[in-house]
């Protein structure tokens, strides 16, 4: 009596079976062919048959992870316009100024902005700065691009050393970048502490950092709420207050901070952001008046 050999499993757990797509990096943004925005969490295996899978999350709801086999994730689908990838990399055009870095390095830094307590100094803020530079035709040099990427890489509410720590992190996460570029980028990050430029290249980065002051009133108020949520726990611990009393203390402190900032002859120091001055001052005056 002879036995029939079992069919060999399709997947054996060999590393060579994993997808070799260089864009399948943790944090890499992707766009579904129907338009949805997603980000890769990682590549893994399905326990039952060891088939490679892609784990990803939807940007509209990051509370739930999704899993597809790597083959299906990357396959082409038929549309009226022809075959297109089911998911395609969606690297922001505004990050082209960082092309001197590996994309993995950029994603590693951006991941630092995703801590759950960050409500204002988060990934959106950094990406908005790069996008504003692109929209306004501001060509960031390598040092300025690094400074934008790292300026809030370390952020602890209430800490006076965030900028110094962020600046110190640059050489650790950018091996191979010219030392002079790293040093200049670190100085620009340090300049964001007091928002005063000690080097000429800092002005553009400082203006990008303040851009949120010059948005329409409803957006400005939403950003103020994000600042409050980011600092709520610290402020409550320091004051012993809660509820409306805590909110009122925050409003008073924010109004005082913005009023002090408004005493400067100019909020925005470069020509590319001259149009922001009036709207920013109007927002500050409204908050201070309230």
Protein backbone atom coordinates (compact mmCIF):
# COMPACT_ATOMS: atom_id res chain seq x y z
CA UNK A 1 0.00 0.00 0.00
CA UNK A 2 1.46 3.28 -0.99
CA UNK A 3 0.59 6.64 0.50
CA UNK A 4 -0.20 9.69 -1.57
CA UNK A 5 2.19 12.49 -0.71
CA UNK A 6 0.54 15.65 0.63
CA UNK A 7 0.40 18.59 -1.68
CA UNK A 8 3.17 20.97 -0.75
CA UNK A 9 2.00 24.21 0.83
CA UNK A 10 2.11 27.19 -1.46
CA UNK A 11 4.02 29.18 1.13
CA UNK A 12 6.88 27.82 3.19
CA UNK A 13 7.80 30.85 5.31
CA UNK A 14 10.77 31.69 3.11
CA UNK A 15 11.68 35.41 3.34
CA UNK A 16 11.86 35.41 -0.46
CA UNK A 17 8.08 34.95 -0.50
CA UNK A 18 7.47 38.36 1.06
CA UNK A 19 6.70 41.24 -1.31
CA UNK A 20 9.76 43.16 -2.44
CA UNK A 21 7.93 46.37 -3.24
CA UNK A 22 10.15 49.12 -1.75
CA UNK A 23 7.07 51.27 -1.10
CA UNK A 24 5.50 48.80 1.34
CA UNK A 25 6.97 50.64 4.32
CA UNK A 26 5.30 51.30 7.67
CA UNK A 27 3.60 54.68 7.43
CA UNK A 28 3.70 54.85 3.63
CA UNK A 29 0.57 56.61 2.33
CA UNK A 30 -1.46 54.79 -0.31
CA UNK A 31 -4.52 55.73 -2.34
CA UNK A 32 -7.21 53.16 -3.13
CA UNK A 33 -8.34 53.22 -6.74
CA UNK A 34 -11.77 54.43 -5.54
CA UNK A 35 -10.13 57.39 -3.79
CA UNK A 36 -9.72 56.43 -0.14
CA UNK A 37 -6.54 57.38 1.74
CA UNK A 38 -4.69 54.65 3.61
CA UNK A 39 -1.33 54.02 5.24
CA UNK A 40 0.65 50.81 5.51
CA UNK A 41 1.14 49.50 9.03
CA UNK A 42 3.38 46.61 8.03
CA UNK A 43 3.84 43.38 6.12
CA UNK A 44 3.16 40.04 7.79
CA UNK A 45 1.94 36.51 7.24
CA UNK A 46 -1.42 34.83 7.59
CA UNK A 47 -0.95 32.17 10.26
CA UNK A 48 -3.06 29.51 8.55
CA UNK A 49 -1.06 29.18 5.35
CA UNK A 50 1.87 31.64 5.78
CA UNK A 51 0.66 33.75 2.87
CA UNK A 52 2.13 37.27 2.91
CA UNK A 53 -0.33 39.98 3.94
CA UNK A 54 -0.35 43.76 4.08
CA UNK A 55 -1.74 45.38 7.21
CA UNK A 56 -3.03 48.90 6.68
CA UNK A 57 -5.28 51.56 8.16
CA UNK A 58 -7.80 54.01 6.74
CA UNK A 59 -6.98 57.65 7.40
CA UNK A 60 -10.68 58.43 7.95
CA UNK A 61 -10.77 55.98 10.89
CA UNK A 62 -7.45 54.86 12.33
CA UNK A 63 -9.09 52.84 15.11
CA UNK A 64 -9.42 49.75 12.90
CA UNK A 65 -6.73 47.83 11.02
CA UNK A 66 -7.34 46.13 7.68
CA UNK A 67 -5.59 43.08 6.21
CA UNK A 68 -5.30 41.88 2.62
CA UNK A 69 -3.05 39.33 1.05
CA UNK A 70 -0.07 41.08 -0.49
CA UNK A 71 -1.04 39.68 -3.88
CA UNK A 72 -4.51 41.22 -3.76
CA UNK A 73 -3.27 44.49 -2.23
CA UNK A 74 -0.89 45.07 -5.14
CA UNK A 75 -2.89 43.60 -8.02
CA UNK A 76 -4.36 45.61 -10.88
CA UNK A 77 -8.11 46.07 -11.16
CA UNK A 78 -10.17 46.84 -14.25
CA UNK A 79 -11.83 50.25 -14.48
CA UNK A 80 -13.53 52.14 -17.34
CA UNK A 81 -10.23 53.99 -17.73
CA UNK A 82 -8.25 50.75 -17.96
CA UNK A 83 -6.30 48.64 -15.47
CA UNK A 84 -5.02 50.49 -12.40
CA UNK A 85 -3.39 49.34 -9.16
CA UNK A 86 -5.85 48.51 -6.37
CA UNK A 87 -3.63 50.56 -4.06
CA UNK A 88 -1.01 53.00 -5.36
CA UNK A 89 1.68 54.84 -3.37
CA UNK A 90 0.57 58.39 -2.63
CA UNK A 91 3.81 60.13 -1.64
CA UNK A 92 3.04 63.86 -1.21
CA UNK A 93 4.51 66.01 -3.97
CA UNK A 94 5.38 68.60 -1.31
CA UNK A 95 7.96 66.18 0.16
CA UNK A 96 10.08 66.24 -2.98
CA UNK A 97 12.44 68.61 -1.15
CA UNK A 98 13.34 65.65 1.10
CA UNK A 99 14.36 63.35 -1.75
CA UNK A 100 17.94 63.42 -0.49
CA UNK A 101 16.72 61.17 2.34
CA UNK A 102 15.45 57.60 2.02
CA UNK A 103 11.68 57.53 2.28
CA UNK A 104 11.97 55.20 5.25
CA UNK A 105 13.94 57.87 7.11
CA UNK A 106 11.25 60.47 6.40
CA UNK A 107 8.51 58.08 7.53
CA UNK A 108 10.42 57.25 10.72
CA UNK A 109 10.50 60.94 11.65
CA UNK A 110 6.86 61.52 10.74
CA UNK A 111 5.92 58.60 12.98
CA UNK A 112 7.21 60.60 15.94
CA UNK A 113 4.37 63.06 15.36
CA UNK A 114 1.67 60.40 15.77
CA UNK A 115 1.68 60.11 19.58
CA UNK A 116 -1.96 60.11 20.75
CA UNK A 117 -1.54 63.14 23.02
CA UNK A 118 -0.51 65.28 20.06
CA UNK A 119 -3.55 67.19 18.87
CA UNK A 120 -1.86 70.26 17.35
CA UNK A 121 1.86 69.49 17.00
CA UNK A 122 1.12 66.40 14.93
CA UNK A 123 1.81 64.97 11.49
CA UNK A 124 -0.83 67.20 9.88
CA UNK A 125 1.02 70.31 11.03
CA UNK A 126 4.30 69.20 9.46
CA UNK A 127 2.71 68.13 6.19
CA UNK A 128 0.78 71.41 6.02
CA UNK A 129 4.04 73.32 6.31
CA UNK A 130 5.54 71.42 3.39
CA UNK A 131 2.34 71.87 1.38
CA UNK A 132 2.25 75.62 2.02
CA UNK A 133 5.83 75.90 0.78
CA UNK A 134 4.83 74.04 -2.39
CA UNK A 135 1.68 76.11 -2.95
CA UNK A 136 3.55 79.37 -2.48
CA UNK A 137 6.43 78.36 -4.72
CA UNK A 138 8.94 78.46 -1.87
CA UNK A 139 11.90 76.22 -2.68
CA UNK A 140 13.17 74.82 0.60
CA UNK A 141 16.86 73.99 0.62
CA UNK A 142 18.04 70.80 2.33
CA UNK A 143 18.63 72.47 5.70
CA UNK A 144 15.22 74.17 5.68
CA UNK A 145 13.50 70.93 4.65
CA UNK A 146 15.19 69.07 7.50
CA UNK A 147 14.24 71.84 9.92
CA UNK A 148 10.56 71.63 8.94
CA UNK A 149 10.62 67.84 9.25
CA UNK A 150 12.28 67.84 12.68
CA UNK A 151 11.12 71.10 14.29
CA UNK A 152 8.57 69.39 16.58
CA UNK A 153 9.94 65.85 16.39
CA UNK A 154 10.28 65.92 20.18
CA UNK A 155 7.29 67.55 21.80
CA UNK A 156 6.18 67.30 25.42
CA UNK A 157 3.52 69.84 26.50
CA UNK A 158 4.99 72.38 28.89
CA UNK A 159 8.61 71.35 28.34
CA UNK A 160 11.09 74.15 27.63
CA UNK A 161 13.57 71.87 25.88
CA UNK A 162 11.50 70.49 23.00
CA UNK A 163 13.33 72.47 20.33
CA UNK A 164 16.77 71.61 21.71
CA UNK A 165 15.88 67.93 21.85
CA UNK A 166 14.41 68.02 18.33
CA UNK A 167 17.55 69.70 17.00
CA UNK A 168 19.76 67.14 18.71
CA UNK A 169 17.78 64.34 17.08
CA UNK A 170 18.61 65.42 13.51
CA UNK A 171 22.10 63.87 13.18
CA UNK A 172 20.87 60.68 14.84
CA UNK A 173 18.21 60.08 12.18
CA UNK A 174 19.95 61.48 9.09
CA UNK A 175 23.24 59.57 8.74
CA UNK A 176 25.11 60.46 5.59
CA UNK A 177 23.73 63.99 5.28
CA UNK A 178 26.39 66.69 5.03
CA UNK A 179 27.39 67.89 8.51
CA UNK A 180 27.05 71.56 7.56
CA UNK A 181 23.48 70.97 6.37
CA UNK A 182 22.63 69.18 9.61
CA UNK A 183 24.17 71.94 11.71
CA UNK A 184 22.24 74.65 9.88
CA UNK A 185 19.00 72.67 10.17
CA UNK A 186 19.56 72.27 13.90
CA UNK A 187 20.06 76.02 14.31
CA UNK A 188 16.83 76.75 12.44
CA UNK A 189 14.98 74.36 14.76
CA UNK A 190 16.47 76.15 17.76
CA UNK A 191 15.23 79.45 16.31
CA UNK A 192 11.65 78.16 16.45
CA UNK A 193 11.83 78.25 20.27
CA UNK A 194 11.55 82.05 20.45
CA UNK A 195 10.47 82.48 16.82
CA UNK A 196 13.39 84.77 16.14
CA UNK A 197 15.74 84.10 13.24
CA UNK A 198 19.44 84.01 14.06
CA UNK A 199 20.27 82.73 10.57
CA UNK A 200 18.79 83.99 7.32
CA UNK A 201 17.42 80.58 6.33
CA UNK A 202 15.24 80.42 9.44
CA UNK A 203 12.78 83.11 8.32
CA UNK A 204 10.94 80.89 5.85
CA UNK A 205 10.60 78.05 8.37
CA UNK A 206 9.33 80.42 11.06
CA UNK A 207 6.70 81.77 8.68
CA UNK A 208 5.60 78.25 7.76
CA UNK A 209 5.33 77.41 11.45
CA UNK A 210 3.06 80.42 12.09
CA UNK A 211 0.91 79.88 9.02
CA UNK A 212 -1.97 78.50 11.09
CA UNK A 213 -2.49 81.94 12.60
CA UNK A 214 -3.56 83.19 9.18
CA UNK A 215 -6.36 80.76 8.35
CA UNK A 216 -10.10 81.57 8.30
CA UNK A 217 -11.67 82.16 11.72
CA UNK A 218 -13.38 78.76 11.98
CA UNK A 219 -10.14 76.93 11.20
CA UNK A 220 -8.25 79.15 13.62
CA UNK A 221 -10.72 78.28 16.38
CA UNK A 222 -10.40 74.58 15.57
CA UNK A 223 -6.62 74.85 15.90
CA UNK A 224 -7.03 76.66 19.23
CA UNK A 225 -9.21 73.80 20.45
CA UNK A 226 -6.52 71.34 19.36
CA UNK A 227 -3.94 73.28 21.39
CA UNK A 228 -6.27 73.11 24.39
CA UNK A 229 -6.80 69.36 24.06
CA UNK A 230 -3.06 68.85 23.75
CA UNK A 231 -2.44 70.78 26.96
CA UNK A 232 -5.62 69.94 28.90
CA UNK A 233 -4.12 67.31 31.23
CA UNK A 234 -1.04 69.39 32.06
CA UNK A 235 -3.07 72.55 32.66
CA UNK A 236 -5.54 70.67 34.87
CA UNK A 237 -2.70 69.20 36.92
CA UNK A 238 -1.07 72.61 37.39
CA UNK A 239 -4.24 74.54 38.22
CA UNK A 240 -6.47 71.94 39.87
CA UNK A 241 -9.32 73.16 37.66
CA UNK A 242 -11.71 71.32 35.37
CA UNK A 243 -14.65 71.98 33.09
CA UNK A 244 -15.47 75.52 32.04
CA UNK A 245 -13.07 77.02 34.60
CA UNK A 246 -10.18 75.15 32.97
CA UNK A 247 -11.31 76.23 29.52
CA UNK A 248 -11.44 79.85 30.64
CA UNK A 249 -7.90 79.72 32.06
CA UNK A 250 -6.65 78.29 28.78
CA UNK A 251 -8.38 81.04 26.80
CA UNK A 252 -6.84 83.72 29.00
CA UNK A 253 -3.36 82.25 28.67
CA UNK A 254 -3.65 81.79 24.93
CA UNK A 255 -4.93 85.34 24.49
CA UNK A 256 -1.99 86.64 26.54
CA UNK A 257 0.51 84.62 24.50
CA UNK A 258 -0.94 85.74 21.17
CA UNK A 259 -1.18 89.37 22.31
CA UNK A 260 2.51 89.31 23.21
CA UNK A 261 3.31 87.82 19.82
CA UNK A 262 1.27 90.55 18.12
CA UNK A 263 3.49 93.25 19.65
CA UNK A 264 6.14 92.37 17.09
CA UNK A 265 6.42 94.75 14.15
CA UNK A 266 5.94 91.78 11.82
CA UNK A 267 4.59 88.31 12.46
CA UNK A 268 5.69 87.07 9.04
CA UNK A 269 9.16 88.07 7.96
CA UNK A 270 9.42 86.84 4.37
CA UNK A 271 7.76 88.24 1.26
CA UNK A 272 6.20 84.87 0.44
CA UNK A 273 3.96 85.18 3.53
CA UNK A 274 3.27 88.92 3.49
CA UNK A 275 -0.38 88.22 2.65
CA UNK A 276 -0.77 86.37 5.97
CA UNK A 277 -0.08 89.35 8.21
CA UNK A 278 -3.51 91.01 8.20
CA UNK A 279 -5.56 87.86 8.69
CA UNK A 280 -3.30 86.60 11.48
CA UNK A 281 -3.59 89.92 13.33
CA UNK A 282 -7.36 89.89 12.88
CA UNK A 283 -7.56 86.42 14.44
CA UNK A 284 -5.35 87.47 17.34
CA UNK A 285 -7.36 90.64 17.93
CA UNK A 286 -10.59 88.64 17.98
CA UNK A 287 -9.20 86.20 20.57
CA UNK A 288 -7.65 88.93 22.68
CA UNK A 289 -10.86 90.96 22.59
CA UNK A 290 -12.93 87.99 23.70
